[in-house]
Amino acid sequence: MQKLVIALALGAANAFVAPAAQSAAVSMQETKQDLMDLQNSLPGPPGFYDPLGLADQSFVIGMNVAGDRGVGEEATIGWLRHAEIKHGRVAMAAFLGYLAQCTPLVSGEHKYLPYRGYVAGCTPQEQWDNIPLYGKLQIFTLIGMLESYGEGAGSPEGYVHYMSGGKPGYYPPIKGKGGPGGHFLFNLWDPFTLPGGPSGQSAEQKARGLKVELLNGRAAQFGILGLLAESKVPGSVPFLSQIEGFPKYAGDVMAPFSGDFTLGLAN
């Protein structure tokens, strides 16, 4: 099981992580036709898939005055494009993280415990359940800080919101930010800016990289859902059910914070 998980992790590093792609190089897709052209330019089955007709909507987002009919098609599509890219990135991190958490390096015994009350040999979901409340609060506080900055908090230089003509998927440089002293030492994208790295790519390379990122993100969303489904309902994913020792989870998948997220309001 350990060897198989490691092999899957190494393979996933190529299959689910986009090669150096700078999302900031992507122009906003302004119309439904632009979305259709983008989809048809991607490898795989052709055809634009939007069964709910979301690209034809004009969402009402945030605090709007009475009678507001929505933000318009261009802003709505910008929101949808950014949401897809962000979900894909989270799914890629989740997929690789799940595999990593199955390895003895993460789930095994530790000389120095990563947190108080650490228990070795737990599945990825159980590992989350075991994290103390204050540890979870720290994680969500960091996520909230990153999310706020990505939405334009602090007025990053040159930032244009993706619903106002900006670039979906773009995350502004964060190096040196984070209060007095600049707590963030690296940018989230191309953190080391090595010579010949992603920052030096041509516009064509960046455009191709975004397409790869989109496809990888879509695949990763199916991947992490498959892992979670098989861990909760053995046999639901036949390929994974053949893996001896695949991690099982007996907890409540609809309440991932129930293990220790009560804020002291309940026992």
C-alpha atoms as a PDB file:
ATOM      1  CA  MET A   1       0.000   0.000   0.000  1.00  0.00           C
ATOM      2  CA  GLN A   2       2.781   2.402   0.919  1.00  0.00           C
ATOM      3  CA  LYS A   3       4.664   1.774  -2.338  1.00  0.00           C
ATOM      4  CA  LEU A   4       1.496   2.189  -4.378  1.00  0.00           C
ATOM      5  CA  VAL A   5       0.580   5.456  -2.670  1.00  0.00           C
ATOM      6  CA  ILE A   6       4.083   6.828  -3.262  1.00  0.00           C
ATOM      7  CA  ALA A   7       3.920   5.801  -6.920  1.00  0.00           C
ATOM      8  CA  LEU A   8       0.532   7.486  -7.285  1.00  0.00           C
ATOM      9  CA  ALA A   9       1.876  10.626  -5.657  1.00  0.00           C
ATOM     10  CA  LEU A  10       4.834  10.791  -8.016  1.00  0.00           C
ATOM     11  CA  GLY A  11       2.607  10.187 -11.005  1.00  0.00           C
ATOM     12  CA  ALA A  12       0.104  12.764  -9.825  1.00  0.00           C
ATOM     13  CA  ALA A  13       2.834  15.351  -9.607  1.00  0.00           C
ATOM     14  CA  ASN A  14       2.974  15.242 -13.394  1.00  0.00           C
ATOM     15  CA  ALA A  15      -0.677  14.541 -14.071  1.00  0.00           C
ATOM     16  CA  PHE A  16      -2.321  17.109 -11.821  1.00  0.00           C
ATOM     17  CA  VAL A  17       0.118  19.997 -11.487  1.00  0.00           C
ATOM     18  CA  ALA A  18       0.225  22.392 -14.372  1.00  0.00           C
ATOM     19  CA  PRO A  19       3.645  23.195 -15.777  1.00  0.00           C
ATOM     20  CA  ALA A  20       4.784  26.733 -15.153  1.00  0.00           C
ATOM     21  CA  ALA A  21       1.690  28.665 -16.074  1.00  0.00           C
ATOM     22  CA  GLN A  22       1.038  32.236 -15.081  1.00  0.00           C
ATOM     23  CA  SER A  23      -2.657  32.816 -14.825  1.00  0.00           C
ATOM     24  CA  ALA A  24      -2.066  36.562 -14.822  1.00  0.00           C
ATOM     25  CA  ALA A  25      -1.393  36.270 -18.541  1.00  0.00           C
ATOM     26  CA  VAL A  26      -4.962  35.206 -19.250  1.00  0.00           C
ATOM     27  CA  SER A  27      -7.383  37.762 -20.591  1.00  0.00           C
ATOM     28  CA  MET A  28     -10.907  37.845 -19.311  1.00  0.00           C
ATOM     29  CA  GLN A  29     -13.355  35.800 -21.389  1.00  0.00           C
ATOM     30  CA  GLU A  30     -15.989  38.454 -21.993  1.00  0.00           C
ATOM     31  CA  THR A  31     -18.772  36.520 -23.724  1.00  0.00           C
ATOM     32  CA  LYS A  32     -20.259  33.067 -23.953  1.00  0.00           C
ATOM     33  CA  GLN A  33     -18.720  32.720 -27.410  1.00  0.00           C
ATOM     34  CA  ASP A  34     -15.277  33.258 -25.885  1.00  0.00           C
ATOM     35  CA  LEU A  35     -15.976  30.424 -23.438  1.00  0.00           C
ATOM     36  CA  MET A  36     -17.074  28.156 -26.273  1.00  0.00           C
ATOM     37  CA  ASP A  37     -13.934  28.972 -28.245  1.00  0.00           C
ATOM     38  CA  LEU A  38     -11.776  28.250 -25.199  1.00  0.00           C
ATOM     39  CA  GLN A  39     -13.420  24.879 -24.603  1.00  0.00           C
ATOM     40  CA  ASN A  40     -13.088  23.882 -28.252  1.00  0.00           C
ATOM     41  CA  SER A  41      -9.373  24.737 -28.137  1.00  0.00           C
ATOM     42  CA  LEU A  42      -8.758  22.259 -25.306  1.00  0.00           C
ATOM     43  CA  PRO A  43      -7.787  18.627 -25.923  1.00  0.00           C
ATOM     44  CA  GLY A  44     -10.517  16.062 -25.488  1.00  0.00           C
ATOM     45  CA  PRO A  45     -14.144  15.839 -26.556  1.00  0.00           C
ATOM     46  CA  PRO A  46     -15.279  19.051 -28.270  1.00  0.00           C
ATOM     47  CA  GLY A  47     -18.383  20.917 -27.271  1.00  0.00           C
ATOM     48  CA  PHE A  48     -19.339  23.531 -24.700  1.00  0.00           C
ATOM     49  CA  TYR A  49     -20.876  21.983 -21.566  1.00  0.00           C
ATOM     50  CA  ASP A  50     -23.117  24.255 -19.524  1.00  0.00           C
ATOM     51  CA  PRO A  51     -26.289  22.288 -18.643  1.00  0.00           C
ATOM     52  CA  LEU A  52     -27.471  24.895 -16.135  1.00  0.00           C
ATOM     53  CA  GLY A  53     -26.994  27.788 -18.539  1.00  0.00           C
ATOM     54  CA  LEU A  54     -24.825  29.711 -16.077  1.00  0.00           C
ATOM     55  CA  ALA A  55     -22.993  31.565 -18.855  1.00  0.00           C
ATOM     56  CA  ASP A  56     -26.300  33.142 -19.903  1.00  0.00           C
ATOM     57  CA  GLN A  57     -27.008  34.503 -16.432  1.00  0.00           C
ATOM     58  CA  SER A  58     -26.390  37.879 -14.868  1.00  0.00           C
ATOM     59  CA  PHE A  59     -25.631  37.097 -11.249  1.00  0.00           C
ATOM     60  CA  VAL A  60     -26.667  39.328  -8.372  1.00  0.00           C
ATOM     61  CA  ILE A  61     -23.555  39.214  -6.202  1.00  0.00           C
ATOM     62  CA  GLY A  62     -22.957  41.083  -2.981  1.00  0.00           C
ATOM     63  CA  MET A  63     -24.986  44.005  -1.649  1.00  0.00           C
ATOM     64  CA  ASN A  64     -27.034  45.347  -4.551  1.00  0.00           C
ATOM     65  CA  VAL A  65     -29.625  48.090  -4.464  1.00  0.00           C
ATOM     66  CA  ALA A  66     -33.275  47.188  -4.844  1.00  0.00           C
ATOM     67  CA  GLY A  67     -34.203  46.467  -8.441  1.00  0.00           C
ATOM     68  CA  ASP A  68     -30.651  45.589  -9.506  1.00  0.00           C
ATOM     69  CA  ARG A  69     -30.910  42.987 -12.262  1.00  0.00           C
ATOM     70  CA  GLY A  70     -27.392  41.654 -11.780  1.00  0.00           C
ATOM     71  CA  VAL A  71     -23.798  42.417 -12.645  1.00  0.00           C
ATOM     72  CA  GLY A  72     -24.041  41.663 -16.359  1.00  0.00           C
ATOM     73  CA  GLU A  73     -22.814  38.875 -18.608  1.00  0.00           C
ATOM     74  CA  GLU A  74     -19.156  39.881 -18.718  1.00  0.00           C
ATOM     75  CA  ALA A  75     -18.811  40.185 -14.930  1.00  0.00           C
ATOM     76  CA  THR A  76     -20.724  36.942 -14.403  1.00  0.00           C
ATOM     77  CA  ILE A  77     -18.473  35.032 -16.791  1.00  0.00           C
ATOM     78  CA  GLY A  78     -15.435  36.564 -15.120  1.00  0.00           C
ATOM     79  CA  TRP A  79     -16.716  35.277 -11.778  1.00  0.00           C
ATOM     80  CA  LEU A  80     -17.366  31.802 -13.209  1.00  0.00           C
ATOM     81  CA  ARG A  81     -13.933  31.633 -14.852  1.00  0.00           C
ATOM     82  CA  HIS A  82     -12.166  32.670 -11.675  1.00  0.00           C
ATOM     83  CA  ALA A  83     -14.215  30.205  -9.601  1.00  0.00           C
ATOM     84  CA  GLU A  84     -13.303  27.304 -11.888  1.00  0.00           C
ATOM     85  CA  ILE A  85      -9.597  28.107 -11.820  1.00  0.00           C
ATOM     86  CA  LYS A  86      -9.605  28.495  -8.035  1.00  0.00           C
ATOM     87  CA  HIS A  87     -11.529  25.253  -7.461  1.00  0.00           C
ATOM     88  CA  GLY A  88      -9.125  23.432  -9.748  1.00  0.00           C
ATOM     89  CA  ARG A  89      -6.114  24.683  -7.823  1.00  0.00           C
ATOM     90  CA  VAL A  90      -7.637  23.692  -4.489  1.00  0.00           C
ATOM     91  CA  ALA A  91      -8.510  20.257  -5.877  1.00  0.00           C
ATOM     92  CA  MET A  92      -4.961  19.708  -7.155  1.00  0.00           C
ATOM     93  CA  ALA A  93      -3.573  20.576  -3.722  1.00  0.00           C
ATOM     94  CA  ALA A  94      -6.188  18.359  -2.047  1.00  0.00           C
ATOM     95  CA  PHE A  95      -5.475  15.380  -4.290  1.00  0.00           C
ATOM     96  CA  LEU A  96      -1.729  15.474  -3.714  1.00  0.00           C
ATOM     97  CA  GLY A  97      -2.253  16.282  -0.054  1.00  0.00           C
ATOM     98  CA  TYR A  98      -4.477  13.232   0.402  1.00  0.00           C
ATOM     99  CA  LEU A  99      -1.819  10.982  -1.100  1.00  0.00           C
ATOM    100  CA  ALA A 100       0.894  12.565   1.016  1.00  0.00           C
ATOM    101  CA  GLN A 101      -1.159  12.120   4.183  1.00  0.00           C
ATOM    102  CA  CYS A 102      -1.420   8.390   3.465  1.00  0.00           C
ATOM    103  CA  THR A 103       2.353   7.946   3.620  1.00  0.00           C
ATOM    104  CA  PRO A 104       4.230   7.027   6.820  1.00  0.00           C
ATOM    105  CA  LEU A 105       6.194  10.260   6.518  1.00  0.00           C
ATOM    106  CA  VAL A 106       3.031  12.188   7.415  1.00  0.00           C
ATOM    107  CA  SER A 107       0.742   9.712   9.162  1.00  0.00           C
ATOM    108  CA  GLY A 108       3.400   7.692  10.957  1.00  0.00           C
ATOM    109  CA  GLU A 109       5.179   8.190  14.248  1.00  0.00           C
ATOM    110  CA  HIS A 110       6.952  11.525  14.801  1.00  0.00           C
ATOM    111  CA  LYS A 111       9.780  12.300  17.181  1.00  0.00           C
ATOM    112  CA  TYR A 112       8.335  15.784  17.576  1.00  0.00           C
ATOM    113  CA  LEU A 113       4.537  15.746  17.497  1.00  0.00           C
ATOM    114  CA  PRO A 114       3.050  18.162  14.925  1.00  0.00           C
ATOM    115  CA  TYR A 115       0.328  19.113  17.412  1.00  0.00           C
ATOM    116  CA  ARG A 116      -0.782  18.205  20.921  1.00  0.00           C
ATOM    117  CA  GLY A 117      -2.652  14.925  21.027  1.00  0.00           C
ATOM    118  CA  TYR A 118      -1.302  13.666  17.691  1.00  0.00           C
ATOM    119  CA  VAL A 119      -2.242  10.055  16.902  1.00  0.00           C
ATOM    120  CA  ALA A 120      -0.256   8.051  14.354  1.00  0.00           C
ATOM    121  CA  GLY A 121      -1.789   5.752  11.757  1.00  0.00           C
ATOM    122  CA  CYS A 122      -4.892   7.832  11.019  1.00  0.00           C
ATOM    123  CA  THR A 123      -6.501   8.418   7.623  1.00  0.00           C
ATOM    124  CA  PRO A 124      -6.367  11.906   6.081  1.00  0.00           C
ATOM    125  CA  GLN A 125      -9.881  12.753   7.270  1.00  0.00           C
ATOM    126  CA  GLU A 126      -9.144  11.465  10.762  1.00  0.00           C
ATOM    127  CA  GLN A 127      -5.979  13.550  10.819  1.00  0.00           C
ATOM    128  CA  TRP A 128      -8.087  16.654  10.248  1.00  0.00           C
ATOM    129  CA  ASP A 129     -10.591  15.596  12.918  1.00  0.00           C
ATOM    130  CA  ASN A 130      -7.729  15.223  15.416  1.00  0.00           C
ATOM    131  CA  ILE A 131      -6.314  18.725  14.917  1.00  0.00           C
ATOM    132  CA  PRO A 132      -7.128  20.875  17.991  1.00  0.00           C
ATOM    133  CA  LEU A 133      -9.606  23.711  17.636  1.00  0.00           C
ATOM    134  CA  TYR A 134      -6.979  26.448  17.765  1.00  0.00           C
ATOM    135  CA  GLY A 135      -4.977  24.717  15.050  1.00  0.00           C
ATOM    136  CA  LYS A 136      -8.021  24.727  12.771  1.00  0.00           C
ATOM    137  CA  LEU A 137      -8.656  28.389  13.557  1.00  0.00           C
ATOM    138  CA  GLN A 138      -5.092  29.251  12.557  1.00  0.00           C
ATOM    139  CA  ILE A 139      -5.537  27.423   9.246  1.00  0.00           C
ATOM    140  CA  PHE A 140      -8.779  29.216   8.434  1.00  0.00           C
ATOM    141  CA  THR A 141      -7.381  32.575   9.503  1.00  0.00           C
ATOM    142  CA  LEU A 142      -4.503  32.167   7.046  1.00  0.00           C
ATOM    143  CA  ILE A 143      -6.892  31.087   4.287  1.00  0.00           C
ATOM    144  CA  GLY A 144      -9.070  34.133   4.989  1.00  0.00           C
ATOM    145  CA  MET A 145      -6.067  36.463   4.815  1.00  0.00           C
ATOM    146  CA  LEU A 146      -4.938  35.000   1.480  1.00  0.00           C
ATOM    147  CA  GLU A 147      -8.470  35.104   0.093  1.00  0.00           C
ATOM    148  CA  SER A 148      -8.978  38.732   1.111  1.00  0.00           C
ATOM    149  CA  TYR A 149      -5.709  39.823  -0.467  1.00  0.00           C
ATOM    150  CA  GLY A 150      -6.535  37.895  -3.634  1.00  0.00           C
ATOM    151  CA  GLU A 151      -9.816  39.827  -3.848  1.00  0.00           C
ATOM    152  CA  GLY A 152      -7.979  43.140  -3.791  1.00  0.00           C
ATOM    153  CA  ALA A 153      -7.755  43.920  -0.075  1.00  0.00           C
ATOM    154  CA  GLY A 154      -4.884  46.303   0.493  1.00  0.00           C
ATOM    155  CA  SER A 155      -5.196  47.656  -3.060  1.00  0.00           C
ATOM    156  CA  PRO A 156      -2.290  45.720  -4.633  1.00  0.00           C
ATOM    157  CA  GLU A 157      -0.501  47.781  -7.260  1.00  0.00           C
ATOM    158  CA  GLY A 158      -1.961  47.235 -10.711  1.00  0.00           C
ATOM    159  CA  TYR A 159      -4.716  44.919  -9.457  1.00  0.00           C
ATOM    160  CA  VAL A 160      -7.985  44.832 -11.414  1.00  0.00           C
ATOM    161  CA  HIS A 161     -10.798  42.621 -10.138  1.00  0.00           C
ATOM    162  CA  TYR A 162     -11.750  39.732 -12.395  1.00  0.00           C
ATOM    163  CA  MET A 163     -15.356  40.973 -12.482  1.00  0.00           C
ATOM    164  CA  SER A 164     -14.275  44.418 -13.629  1.00  0.00           C
ATOM    165  CA  GLY A 165     -12.143  43.458 -16.608  1.00  0.00           C
ATOM    166  CA  GLY A 166      -9.291  41.833 -14.707  1.00  0.00           C
ATOM    167  CA  LYS A 167      -7.727  38.443 -15.385  1.00  0.00           C
ATOM    168  CA  PRO A 168      -9.469  35.368 -13.952  1.00  0.00           C
ATOM    169  CA  GLY A 169      -7.126  33.298 -11.816  1.00  0.00           C
ATOM    170  CA  TYR A 170      -4.665  36.130 -11.245  1.00  0.00           C
ATOM    171  CA  TYR A 171      -3.246  36.412  -7.726  1.00  0.00           C
ATOM    172  CA  PRO A 172      -1.283  39.598  -6.984  1.00  0.00           C
ATOM    173  CA  PRO A 173       2.290  39.410  -5.648  1.00  0.00           C
ATOM    174  CA  ILE A 174       2.267  38.921  -1.899  1.00  0.00           C
ATOM    175  CA  LYS A 175       5.986  38.842  -1.093  1.00  0.00           C
ATOM    176  CA  GLY A 176       6.784  41.318   1.666  1.00  0.00           C
ATOM    177  CA  LYS A 177       3.121  41.689   2.669  1.00  0.00           C
ATOM    178  CA  GLY A 178       1.394  40.574   5.845  1.00  0.00           C
ATOM    179  CA  GLY A 179       1.822  43.442   8.253  1.00  0.00           C
ATOM    180  CA  PRO A 180       4.927  45.030   9.768  1.00  0.00           C
ATOM    181  CA  GLY A 181       8.048  43.165   8.768  1.00  0.00           C
ATOM    182  CA  GLY A 182       6.431  41.473   5.773  1.00  0.00           C
ATOM    183  CA  HIS A 183       5.554  37.983   6.989  1.00  0.00           C
ATOM    184  CA  PHE A 184       5.212  36.516   3.510  1.00  0.00           C
ATOM    185  CA  LEU A 185       8.650  35.710   2.121  1.00  0.00           C
ATOM    186  CA  PHE A 186       7.510  34.324  -1.247  1.00  0.00           C
ATOM    187  CA  ASN A 187       4.824  34.915  -3.835  1.00  0.00           C
ATOM    188  CA  LEU A 188       2.277  32.150  -4.311  1.00  0.00           C
ATOM    189  CA  TRP A 189       3.100  31.899  -8.017  1.00  0.00           C
ATOM    190  CA  ASP A 190       6.706  31.406  -9.136  1.00  0.00           C
ATOM    191  CA  PRO A 191       8.000  31.947  -5.584  1.00  0.00           C
ATOM    192  CA  PHE A 192      11.702  31.666  -6.420  1.00  0.00           C
ATOM    193  CA  THR A 193      11.751  33.560  -9.764  1.00  0.00           C
ATOM    194  CA  LEU A 194      14.702  31.559 -11.010  1.00  0.00           C
ATOM    195  CA  PRO A 195      16.320  32.477 -14.347  1.00  0.00           C
ATOM    196  CA  GLY A 196      14.445  30.761 -17.143  1.00  0.00           C
ATOM    197  CA  GLY A 197      11.520  30.080 -14.824  1.00  0.00           C
ATOM    198  CA  PRO A 198       7.803  30.663 -15.330  1.00  0.00           C
ATOM    199  CA  SER A 199       8.098  34.443 -15.145  1.00  0.00           C
ATOM    200  CA  GLY A 200      10.204  34.447 -18.282  1.00  0.00           C
ATOM    201  CA  GLN A 201       7.741  32.506 -20.405  1.00  0.00           C
ATOM    202  CA  SER A 202       6.336  33.880 -23.622  1.00  0.00           C
ATOM    203  CA  ALA A 203       2.671  34.799 -23.959  1.00  0.00           C
ATOM    204  CA  GLU A 204       2.090  31.621 -25.990  1.00  0.00           C
ATOM    205  CA  GLN A 205       3.669  29.446 -23.294  1.00  0.00           C
ATOM    206  CA  LYS A 206       1.579  31.090 -20.595  1.00  0.00           C
ATOM    207  CA  ALA A 207      -1.619  30.644 -22.606  1.00  0.00           C
ATOM    208  CA  ARG A 208      -0.834  26.962 -23.100  1.00  0.00           C
ATOM    209  CA  GLY A 209       0.022  26.641 -19.413  1.00  0.00           C
ATOM    210  CA  LEU A 210      -3.381  27.967 -18.403  1.00  0.00           C
ATOM    211  CA  LYS A 211      -5.125  25.405 -20.608  1.00  0.00           C
ATOM    212  CA  VAL A 212      -3.069  22.671 -18.958  1.00  0.00           C
ATOM    213  CA  GLU A 213      -3.985  24.077 -15.553  1.00  0.00           C
ATOM    214  CA  LEU A 214      -7.690  24.048 -16.430  1.00  0.00           C
ATOM    215  CA  LEU A 215      -7.577  20.410 -17.547  1.00  0.00           C
ATOM    216  CA  ASN A 216      -5.504  19.339 -14.546  1.00  0.00           C
ATOM    217  CA  GLY A 217      -7.852  21.158 -12.194  1.00  0.00           C
ATOM    218  CA  ARG A 218     -10.907  19.483 -13.675  1.00  0.00           C
ATOM    219  CA  ALA A 219      -9.268  16.073 -13.425  1.00  0.00           C
ATOM    220  CA  ALA A 220      -8.176  16.751  -9.844  1.00  0.00           C
ATOM    221  CA  GLN A 221     -11.734  17.618  -8.808  1.00  0.00           C
ATOM    222  CA  PHE A 222     -12.873  14.187  -9.972  1.00  0.00           C
ATOM    223  CA  GLY A 223      -9.775  12.662  -8.364  1.00  0.00           C
ATOM    224  CA  ILE A 224     -10.263  14.027  -4.858  1.00  0.00           C
ATOM    225  CA  LEU A 225     -13.997  13.288  -4.927  1.00  0.00           C
ATOM    226  CA  GLY A 226     -13.183   9.710  -5.935  1.00  0.00           C
ATOM    227  CA  LEU A 227     -10.753   9.323  -3.033  1.00  0.00           C
ATOM    228  CA  LEU A 228     -13.261  10.689  -0.545  1.00  0.00           C
ATOM    229  CA  ALA A 229     -16.111   8.582  -1.930  1.00  0.00           C
ATOM    230  CA  GLU A 230     -14.152   5.334  -1.809  1.00  0.00           C
ATOM    231  CA  SER A 231     -12.913   6.050   1.712  1.00  0.00           C
ATOM    232  CA  LYS A 232     -16.490   6.478   2.931  1.00  0.00           C
ATOM    233  CA  VAL A 233     -18.345   3.975   0.705  1.00  0.00           C
ATOM    234  CA  PRO A 234     -16.043   1.041  -0.143  1.00  0.00           C
ATOM    235  CA  GLY A 235     -16.632  -0.165  -3.673  1.00  0.00           C
ATOM    236  CA  SER A 236     -18.027   3.132  -4.954  1.00  0.00           C
ATOM    237  CA  VAL A 237     -14.875   3.616  -7.059  1.00  0.00           C
ATOM    238  CA  PRO A 238     -13.977   0.162  -8.440  1.00  0.00           C
ATOM    239  CA  PHE A 239     -10.399   1.090  -9.378  1.00  0.00           C
ATOM    240  CA  LEU A 240      -9.613   2.327  -5.882  1.00  0.00           C
ATOM    241  CA  SER A 241     -11.450  -0.533  -4.199  1.00  0.00           C
ATOM    242  CA  GLN A 242      -8.858  -2.913  -5.641  1.00  0.00           C
ATOM    243  CA  ILE A 243      -6.079  -1.230  -3.639  1.00  0.00           C
ATOM    244  CA  GLU A 244      -5.302  -3.283  -0.573  1.00  0.00           C
ATOM    245  CA  GLY A 245      -5.355  -1.196   2.573  1.00  0.00           C
ATOM    246  CA  PHE A 246      -7.078   1.825   1.006  1.00  0.00           C
ATOM    247  CA  PRO A 247      -7.873   4.218   3.887  1.00  0.00           C
ATOM    248  CA  LYS A 248     -11.423   4.091   5.252  1.00  0.00           C
ATOM    249  CA  TYR A 249     -13.286   6.819   7.108  1.00  0.00           C
ATOM    250  CA  ALA A 250     -16.140   6.188   9.521  1.00  0.00           C
ATOM    251  CA  GLY A 251     -16.781   9.826  10.403  1.00  0.00           C
ATOM    252  CA  ASP A 252     -19.433  12.206   9.108  1.00  0.00           C
ATOM    253  CA  VAL A 253     -18.270  13.505   5.725  1.00  0.00           C
ATOM    254  CA  MET A 254     -20.917  16.255   5.844  1.00  0.00           C
ATOM    255  CA  ALA A 255     -19.553  17.666   9.092  1.00  0.00           C
ATOM    256  CA  PRO A 256     -15.763  17.833   8.711  1.00  0.00           C
ATOM    257  CA  PHE A 257     -15.420  20.177  11.689  1.00  0.00           C
ATOM    258  CA  SER A 258     -17.472  18.151  14.151  1.00  0.00           C
ATOM    259  CA  GLY A 259     -14.395  16.496  15.675  1.00  0.00           C
ATOM    260  CA  ASP A 260     -13.288  19.689  17.408  1.00  0.00           C
ATOM    261  CA  PHE A 261     -14.866  22.851  16.068  1.00  0.00           C
ATOM    262  CA  THR A 262     -17.404  23.749  18.731  1.00  0.00           C
ATOM    263  CA  LEU A 263     -15.884  27.072  19.868  1.00  0.00           C
ATOM    264  CA  GLY A 264     -16.778  25.945  23.366  1.00  0.00           C
ATOM    265  CA  LEU A 265     -20.516  26.213  22.726  1.00  0.00           C
ATOM    266  CA  ALA A 266     -21.228  22.487  23.038  1.00  0.00           C
ATOM    267  CA  ASN A 267     -19.768  19.367  24.569  1.00  0.00           C
END
